[in-house]
């Protein structure tokens, strides 16, 4: 499985589901599949994806209802949802967007266009995953070249510390629990002790302060860590 951004494809038609998954994986995404709204909600409870491609017409819980539930929950509200539907009427599009969908694509759709829309949504919510530059105070992270500098000094970071910093810089001020950081940085399929997070946070702090400056990583007692 790729370690790229995680996409949940929710589509009850097997052929369409596999074509979508194949194209997303070819673009470097890590793909999970669900064939019903109920399956999707279960998978999301286990581990939140970075983006959801969601069919409107599903057996059981409809795509619209899945979207409505996710946008009401604080833990999933900010996950972008691209709604797919054979219903191309303007009123349906408006209903989909009003329910909270971030984008709406009518079937049949161009796969190239859909991939572009997926990247557009990720650029907004997880810019580091699509090669954007991130900036926080005097820290600059270039996701494409994997370079980090602080106050003009290049910093040496290991790959795990780089992913930790990118996660923090995408949402400065947000408090991340150790479990959330494990899921985001290491991946849900890998078993790592939560104390490992503390070790890598220590390494990140050391790297960020190697040329001086205050430690920008804040420990929130009983909750986790935050940048700033």
C-alpha atoms as a PDB file:
ATOM      1  CA  UNK A   1       0.000   0.000   0.000  1.00  0.00           C
ATOM      2  CA  UNK A   2       1.271   3.509  -0.835  1.00  0.00           C
ATOM      3  CA  UNK A   3       2.130   5.903   1.969  1.00  0.00           C
ATOM      4  CA  UNK A   4       0.518   8.749   0.015  1.00  0.00           C
ATOM      5  CA  UNK A   5      -2.626  10.621   1.095  1.00  0.00           C
ATOM      6  CA  UNK A   6      -5.393   8.239   2.144  1.00  0.00           C
ATOM      7  CA  UNK A   7      -8.524   8.212   0.001  1.00  0.00           C
ATOM      8  CA  UNK A   8     -11.705   6.349   0.913  1.00  0.00           C
ATOM      9  CA  UNK A   9     -13.676   5.354  -2.194  1.00  0.00           C
ATOM     10  CA  UNK A  10     -17.340   4.643  -1.400  1.00  0.00           C
ATOM     11  CA  UNK A  11     -18.989   3.093  -4.465  1.00  0.00           C
ATOM     12  CA  UNK A  12     -21.375   0.115  -4.604  1.00  0.00           C
ATOM     13  CA  UNK A  13     -20.692  -0.728  -8.252  1.00  0.00           C
ATOM     14  CA  UNK A  14     -17.636  -3.053  -8.193  1.00  0.00           C
ATOM     15  CA  UNK A  15     -16.251  -2.163 -11.648  1.00  0.00           C
ATOM     16  CA  UNK A  16     -16.444   1.597 -11.004  1.00  0.00           C
ATOM     17  CA  UNK A  17     -14.975   1.151  -7.523  1.00  0.00           C
ATOM     18  CA  UNK A  18     -11.954  -0.731  -8.898  1.00  0.00           C
ATOM     19  CA  UNK A  19     -11.366   1.699 -11.779  1.00  0.00           C
ATOM     20  CA  UNK A  20     -11.403   4.577  -9.306  1.00  0.00           C
ATOM     21  CA  UNK A  21      -9.075   2.767  -6.908  1.00  0.00           C
ATOM     22  CA  UNK A  22      -6.697   1.787  -9.719  1.00  0.00           C
ATOM     23  CA  UNK A  23      -6.397   5.361 -10.985  1.00  0.00           C
ATOM     24  CA  UNK A  24      -5.953   6.823  -7.512  1.00  0.00           C
ATOM     25  CA  UNK A  25      -3.255   4.277  -6.627  1.00  0.00           C
ATOM     26  CA  UNK A  26      -1.484   5.044  -9.918  1.00  0.00           C
ATOM     27  CA  UNK A  27      -1.377   8.688  -8.782  1.00  0.00           C
ATOM     28  CA  UNK A  28       0.330   7.659  -5.527  1.00  0.00           C
ATOM     29  CA  UNK A  29      -2.687   7.638  -3.234  1.00  0.00           C
ATOM     30  CA  UNK A  30      -3.340   5.005  -0.584  1.00  0.00           C
ATOM     31  CA  UNK A  31      -6.879   3.722  -1.238  1.00  0.00           C
ATOM     32  CA  UNK A  32      -9.477   2.098   0.993  1.00  0.00           C
ATOM     33  CA  UNK A  33     -12.718   0.787  -0.468  1.00  0.00           C
ATOM     34  CA  UNK A  34     -16.267   0.655   0.884  1.00  0.00           C
ATOM     35  CA  UNK A  35     -19.312  -0.644  -0.980  1.00  0.00           C
ATOM     36  CA  UNK A  36     -22.010   0.839   1.283  1.00  0.00           C
ATOM     37  CA  UNK A  37     -22.608   3.814   3.530  1.00  0.00           C
ATOM     38  CA  UNK A  38     -22.509   1.572   6.616  1.00  0.00           C
ATOM     39  CA  UNK A  39     -19.108   0.135   5.584  1.00  0.00           C
ATOM     40  CA  UNK A  40     -17.804   3.648   4.993  1.00  0.00           C
ATOM     41  CA  UNK A  41     -18.845   4.885   8.443  1.00  0.00           C
ATOM     42  CA  UNK A  42     -17.200   1.866  10.098  1.00  0.00           C
ATOM     43  CA  UNK A  43     -13.922   2.399   8.212  1.00  0.00           C
ATOM     44  CA  UNK A  44     -13.928   6.114   9.054  1.00  0.00           C
ATOM     45  CA  UNK A  45     -14.423   5.299  12.749  1.00  0.00           C
ATOM     46  CA  UNK A  46     -11.345   3.045  12.587  1.00  0.00           C
ATOM     47  CA  UNK A  47      -9.125   5.616  10.867  1.00  0.00           C
ATOM     48  CA  UNK A  48     -10.047   8.926   9.311  1.00  0.00           C
ATOM     49  CA  UNK A  49      -9.009   9.271   5.628  1.00  0.00           C
ATOM     50  CA  UNK A  50      -7.552  12.452   4.134  1.00  0.00           C
ATOM     51  CA  UNK A  51     -10.348  12.681   1.545  1.00  0.00           C
ATOM     52  CA  UNK A  52     -13.536  10.768   0.638  1.00  0.00           C
ATOM     53  CA  UNK A  53     -14.870  10.076  -2.862  1.00  0.00           C
ATOM     54  CA  UNK A  54     -18.506   9.256  -2.164  1.00  0.00           C
ATOM     55  CA  UNK A  55     -21.241   7.942  -4.451  1.00  0.00           C
ATOM     56  CA  UNK A  56     -24.691   9.437  -3.874  1.00  0.00           C
ATOM     57  CA  UNK A  57     -26.705   6.267  -4.552  1.00  0.00           C
ATOM     58  CA  UNK A  58     -25.657   3.571  -2.070  1.00  0.00           C
ATOM     59  CA  UNK A  59     -27.486   0.607  -0.554  1.00  0.00           C
ATOM     60  CA  UNK A  60     -28.662   1.251   3.001  1.00  0.00           C
ATOM     61  CA  UNK A  61     -27.311   4.572   4.230  1.00  0.00           C
ATOM     62  CA  UNK A  62     -27.176   6.936   1.235  1.00  0.00           C
ATOM     63  CA  UNK A  63     -24.168   9.018   0.274  1.00  0.00           C
ATOM     64  CA  UNK A  64     -26.054  12.187   1.195  1.00  0.00           C
ATOM     65  CA  UNK A  65     -26.728  10.786   4.680  1.00  0.00           C
ATOM     66  CA  UNK A  66     -23.077   9.693   5.110  1.00  0.00           C
ATOM     67  CA  UNK A  67     -21.993  13.195   4.116  1.00  0.00           C
ATOM     68  CA  UNK A  68     -24.486  14.820   6.519  1.00  0.00           C
ATOM     69  CA  UNK A  69     -23.314  12.656   9.450  1.00  0.00           C
ATOM     70  CA  UNK A  70     -19.615  13.272   8.794  1.00  0.00           C
ATOM     71  CA  UNK A  71     -20.021  17.040   8.489  1.00  0.00           C
ATOM     72  CA  UNK A  72     -21.846  17.132  11.844  1.00  0.00           C
ATOM     73  CA  UNK A  73     -19.000  15.354  13.688  1.00  0.00           C
ATOM     74  CA  UNK A  74     -16.118  17.532  14.955  1.00  0.00           C
ATOM     75  CA  UNK A  75     -13.546  14.804  14.192  1.00  0.00           C
ATOM     76  CA  UNK A  76     -14.569  14.408  10.538  1.00  0.00           C
ATOM     77  CA  UNK A  77     -16.031  17.826   9.693  1.00  0.00           C
ATOM     78  CA  UNK A  78     -12.902  19.043   7.914  1.00  0.00           C
ATOM     79  CA  UNK A  79     -12.369  15.899   5.777  1.00  0.00           C
ATOM     80  CA  UNK A  80     -13.098  16.891   2.154  1.00  0.00           C
ATOM     81  CA  UNK A  81     -15.890  14.954   0.435  1.00  0.00           C
ATOM     82  CA  UNK A  82     -16.270  14.738  -3.336  1.00  0.00           C
ATOM     83  CA  UNK A  83     -19.759  13.522  -4.168  1.00  0.00           C
ATOM     84  CA  UNK A  84     -20.281  11.409  -7.313  1.00  0.00           C
ATOM     85  CA  UNK A  85     -23.730  11.158  -8.802  1.00  0.00           C
ATOM     86  CA  UNK A  86     -25.559  10.215 -11.986  1.00  0.00           C
ATOM     87  CA  UNK A  87     -28.020  12.939 -11.006  1.00  0.00           C
ATOM     88  CA  UNK A  88     -26.801  15.943 -12.945  1.00  0.00           C
ATOM     89  CA  UNK A  89     -29.776  18.233 -12.241  1.00  0.00           C
ATOM     90  CA  UNK A  90     -28.805  21.594 -10.726  1.00  0.00           C
ATOM     91  CA  UNK A  91     -31.145  21.007  -7.778  1.00  0.00           C
ATOM     92  CA  UNK A  92     -29.321  17.762  -6.929  1.00  0.00           C
ATOM     93  CA  UNK A  93     -25.940  19.457  -7.101  1.00  0.00           C
ATOM     94  CA  UNK A  94     -27.154  22.206  -4.786  1.00  0.00           C
ATOM     95  CA  UNK A  95     -28.576  19.629  -2.358  1.00  0.00           C
ATOM     96  CA  UNK A  96     -25.261  17.739  -2.319  1.00  0.00           C
ATOM     97  CA  UNK A  97     -23.265  20.895  -1.634  1.00  0.00           C
ATOM     98  CA  UNK A  98     -25.740  22.112   0.984  1.00  0.00           C
ATOM     99  CA  UNK A  99     -25.374  18.792   2.813  1.00  0.00           C
ATOM    100  CA  UNK A 100     -21.688  19.625   3.187  1.00  0.00           C
ATOM    101  CA  UNK A 101     -20.009  18.046   0.142  1.00  0.00           C
ATOM    102  CA  UNK A 102     -16.908  20.014  -0.845  1.00  0.00           C
ATOM    103  CA  UNK A 103     -17.281  19.181  -4.530  1.00  0.00           C
ATOM    104  CA  UNK A 104     -19.843  17.477  -6.768  1.00  0.00           C
ATOM    105  CA  UNK A 105     -19.019  15.502  -9.918  1.00  0.00           C
ATOM    106  CA  UNK A 106     -21.726  14.241 -12.268  1.00  0.00           C
ATOM    107  CA  UNK A 107     -21.398  10.788 -13.880  1.00  0.00           C
ATOM    108  CA  UNK A 108     -20.043   9.948 -16.376  1.00  0.00           C
ATOM    109  CA  UNK A 109     -16.962  11.928 -15.380  1.00  0.00           C
ATOM    110  CA  UNK A 110     -13.460  12.354 -16.773  1.00  0.00           C
ATOM    111  CA  UNK A 111     -10.937  10.471 -14.620  1.00  0.00           C
ATOM    112  CA  UNK A 112      -8.325  13.200 -15.272  1.00  0.00           C
ATOM    113  CA  UNK A 113     -10.749  15.858 -14.037  1.00  0.00           C
ATOM    114  CA  UNK A 114     -11.647  13.821 -10.945  1.00  0.00           C
ATOM    115  CA  UNK A 115      -7.950  13.335 -10.050  1.00  0.00           C
ATOM    116  CA  UNK A 116      -7.428  17.097 -10.423  1.00  0.00           C
ATOM    117  CA  UNK A 117     -10.361  17.763  -8.097  1.00  0.00           C
ATOM    118  CA  UNK A 118      -8.995  15.328  -5.515  1.00  0.00           C
ATOM    119  CA  UNK A 119      -5.657  17.163  -5.578  1.00  0.00           C
ATOM    120  CA  UNK A 120      -7.387  20.545  -5.341  1.00  0.00           C
ATOM    121  CA  UNK A 121      -9.200  19.478  -2.163  1.00  0.00           C
ATOM    122  CA  UNK A 122      -6.007  18.036  -0.652  1.00  0.00           C
ATOM    123  CA  UNK A 123      -4.100  21.213  -1.511  1.00  0.00           C
ATOM    124  CA  UNK A 124      -6.583  23.044   0.692  1.00  0.00           C
ATOM    125  CA  UNK A 125      -6.611  20.625   3.642  1.00  0.00           C
ATOM    126  CA  UNK A 126      -3.263  18.736   3.482  1.00  0.00           C
ATOM    127  CA  UNK A 127      -0.921  20.873   1.369  1.00  0.00           C
ATOM    128  CA  UNK A 128       2.239  18.904   2.256  1.00  0.00           C
ATOM    129  CA  UNK A 129       0.869  15.770   0.578  1.00  0.00           C
ATOM    130  CA  UNK A 130       0.720  17.500  -2.814  1.00  0.00           C
ATOM    131  CA  UNK A 131       4.162  19.108  -2.699  1.00  0.00           C
ATOM    132  CA  UNK A 132       3.244  22.543  -1.377  1.00  0.00           C
ATOM    133  CA  UNK A 133       5.564  24.801   0.615  1.00  0.00           C
ATOM    134  CA  UNK A 134       4.494  25.405   4.200  1.00  0.00           C
ATOM    135  CA  UNK A 135       5.551  28.313   6.364  1.00  0.00           C
ATOM    136  CA  UNK A 136       5.197  28.903  10.101  1.00  0.00           C
ATOM    137  CA  UNK A 137       6.970  31.896  11.640  1.00  0.00           C
ATOM    138  CA  UNK A 138      10.664  31.407  10.660  1.00  0.00           C
ATOM    139  CA  UNK A 139      10.252  27.731   9.658  1.00  0.00           C
ATOM    140  CA  UNK A 140       9.934  26.843   5.965  1.00  0.00           C
ATOM    141  CA  UNK A 141       9.088  23.299   4.801  1.00  0.00           C
ATOM    142  CA  UNK A 142       9.276  22.365   1.127  1.00  0.00           C
ATOM    143  CA  UNK A 143       7.265  19.174   0.685  1.00  0.00           C
ATOM    144  CA  UNK A 144       8.489  18.619  -2.875  1.00  0.00           C
ATOM    145  CA  UNK A 145      12.229  18.747  -2.161  1.00  0.00           C
ATOM    146  CA  UNK A 146      11.888  17.483   1.445  1.00  0.00           C
ATOM    147  CA  UNK A 147      13.912  20.435   2.725  1.00  0.00           C
ATOM    148  CA  UNK A 148      13.351  22.348   5.935  1.00  0.00           C
ATOM    149  CA  UNK A 149      14.950  25.620   7.004  1.00  0.00           C
ATOM    150  CA  UNK A 150      14.618  27.867  10.029  1.00  0.00           C
ATOM    151  CA  UNK A 151      15.622  31.511   9.919  1.00  0.00           C
ATOM    152  CA  UNK A 152      17.517  30.733   6.698  1.00  0.00           C
ATOM    153  CA  UNK A 153      19.493  27.799   8.156  1.00  0.00           C
ATOM    154  CA  UNK A 154      18.986  24.389   6.538  1.00  0.00           C
ATOM    155  CA  UNK A 155      17.883  21.730   9.052  1.00  0.00           C
ATOM    156  CA  UNK A 156      18.622  18.011   8.980  1.00  0.00           C
ATOM    157  CA  UNK A 157      15.486  15.984   9.747  1.00  0.00           C
ATOM    158  CA  UNK A 158      14.843  12.266   9.538  1.00  0.00           C
ATOM    159  CA  UNK A 159      11.833  11.131   7.437  1.00  0.00           C
ATOM    160  CA  UNK A 160       9.617  10.590  10.513  1.00  0.00           C
ATOM    161  CA  UNK A 161      10.501  13.997  11.970  1.00  0.00           C
ATOM    162  CA  UNK A 162       9.792  15.558   8.556  1.00  0.00           C
ATOM    163  CA  UNK A 163       6.300  13.990   8.469  1.00  0.00           C
ATOM    164  CA  UNK A 164       5.633  15.078  12.067  1.00  0.00           C
ATOM    165  CA  UNK A 165       6.627  18.664  11.256  1.00  0.00           C
ATOM    166  CA  UNK A 166       4.513  18.682   8.066  1.00  0.00           C
ATOM    167  CA  UNK A 167       1.494  17.477  10.088  1.00  0.00           C
ATOM    168  CA  UNK A 168       2.016  20.243  12.672  1.00  0.00           C
ATOM    169  CA  UNK A 169       2.592  22.935  10.030  1.00  0.00           C
ATOM    170  CA  UNK A 170      -0.573  22.076   8.122  1.00  0.00           C
ATOM    171  CA  UNK A 171      -2.615  23.010  11.205  1.00  0.00           C
ATOM    172  CA  UNK A 172      -0.611  25.286  13.534  1.00  0.00           C
ATOM    173  CA  UNK A 173      -2.144  25.518  16.997  1.00  0.00           C
ATOM    174  CA  UNK A 174      -4.069  22.260  16.681  1.00  0.00           C
ATOM    175  CA  UNK A 175      -3.412  19.809  19.510  1.00  0.00           C
ATOM    176  CA  UNK A 176      -2.646  16.300  18.214  1.00  0.00           C
ATOM    177  CA  UNK A 177      -2.929  13.289  20.528  1.00  0.00           C
ATOM    178  CA  UNK A 178      -0.230  10.615  20.348  1.00  0.00           C
ATOM    179  CA  UNK A 179      -2.764   8.235  18.760  1.00  0.00           C
ATOM    180  CA  UNK A 180      -3.667  10.793  16.080  1.00  0.00           C
ATOM    181  CA  UNK A 181       0.003  11.371  15.298  1.00  0.00           C
ATOM    182  CA  UNK A 182       0.622   7.609  15.077  1.00  0.00           C
ATOM    183  CA  UNK A 183      -2.262   7.284  12.622  1.00  0.00           C
ATOM    184  CA  UNK A 184      -1.207  10.288  10.519  1.00  0.00           C
ATOM    185  CA  UNK A 185       2.584   9.863  10.532  1.00  0.00           C
ATOM    186  CA  UNK A 186       3.176   6.114  10.897  1.00  0.00           C
ATOM    187  CA  UNK A 187      -0.099   4.780   9.394  1.00  0.00           C
ATOM    188  CA  UNK A 188      -2.853   2.696  10.906  1.00  0.00           C
ATOM    189  CA  UNK A 189      -1.429  -0.642   9.674  1.00  0.00           C
ATOM    190  CA  UNK A 190       1.809  -0.302  11.621  1.00  0.00           C
ATOM    191  CA  UNK A 191       1.963  -1.088  15.319  1.00  0.00           C
ATOM    192  CA  UNK A 192       4.107   1.462  17.138  1.00  0.00           C
ATOM    193  CA  UNK A 193       4.107   2.169  20.873  1.00  0.00           C
ATOM    194  CA  UNK A 194       2.788   5.650  21.738  1.00  0.00           C
ATOM    195  CA  UNK A 195       6.062   6.348  23.583  1.00  0.00           C
ATOM    196  CA  UNK A 196       7.773   6.217  20.184  1.00  0.00           C
ATOM    197  CA  UNK A 197       5.931   9.468  19.389  1.00  0.00           C
ATOM    198  CA  UNK A 198       7.614  11.147  22.375  1.00  0.00           C
ATOM    199  CA  UNK A 199      11.050   9.978  21.182  1.00  0.00           C
ATOM    200  CA  UNK A 200      10.527  11.434  17.695  1.00  0.00           C
ATOM    201  CA  UNK A 201       9.052  14.668  19.098  1.00  0.00           C
ATOM    202  CA  UNK A 202      12.266  14.985  21.112  1.00  0.00           C
ATOM    203  CA  UNK A 203      14.339  14.518  17.944  1.00  0.00           C
ATOM    204  CA  UNK A 204      12.191  17.050  16.076  1.00  0.00           C
ATOM    205  CA  UNK A 205      12.644  19.624  18.856  1.00  0.00           C
ATOM    206  CA  UNK A 206      16.410  19.097  18.805  1.00  0.00           C
ATOM    207  CA  UNK A 207      16.516  19.488  15.012  1.00  0.00           C
ATOM    208  CA  UNK A 208      14.389  22.654  15.056  1.00  0.00           C
ATOM    209  CA  UNK A 209      16.624  24.267  17.680  1.00  0.00           C
ATOM    210  CA  UNK A 210      19.993  23.159  16.237  1.00  0.00           C
ATOM    211  CA  UNK A 211      20.796  26.744  15.194  1.00  0.00           C
ATOM    212  CA  UNK A 212      19.153  28.406  18.185  1.00  0.00           C
ATOM    213  CA  UNK A 213      15.654  29.794  18.638  1.00  0.00           C
ATOM    214  CA  UNK A 214      12.831  28.832  20.964  1.00  0.00           C
ATOM    215  CA  UNK A 215      11.242  25.381  20.887  1.00  0.00           C
ATOM    216  CA  UNK A 216       8.042  25.880  18.831  1.00  0.00           C
ATOM    217  CA  UNK A 217       6.533  22.472  19.764  1.00  0.00           C
ATOM    218  CA  UNK A 218       4.221  22.720  22.748  1.00  0.00           C
ATOM    219  CA  UNK A 219       3.391  19.817  25.069  1.00  0.00           C
ATOM    220  CA  UNK A 220      -0.245  19.901  26.181  1.00  0.00           C
ATOM    221  CA  UNK A 221      -0.424  17.848  29.367  1.00  0.00           C
ATOM    222  CA  UNK A 222      -2.823  14.939  29.059  1.00  0.00           C
ATOM    223  CA  UNK A 223      -3.697  15.859  25.454  1.00  0.00           C
ATOM    224  CA  UNK A 224      -0.649  15.688  23.181  1.00  0.00           C
ATOM    225  CA  UNK A 225       1.422  18.128  21.152  1.00  0.00           C
ATOM    226  CA  UNK A 226       0.916  21.266  19.093  1.00  0.00           C
ATOM    227  CA  UNK A 227       2.963  23.689  17.027  1.00  0.00           C
ATOM    228  CA  UNK A 228       2.743  27.108  18.644  1.00  0.00           C
END
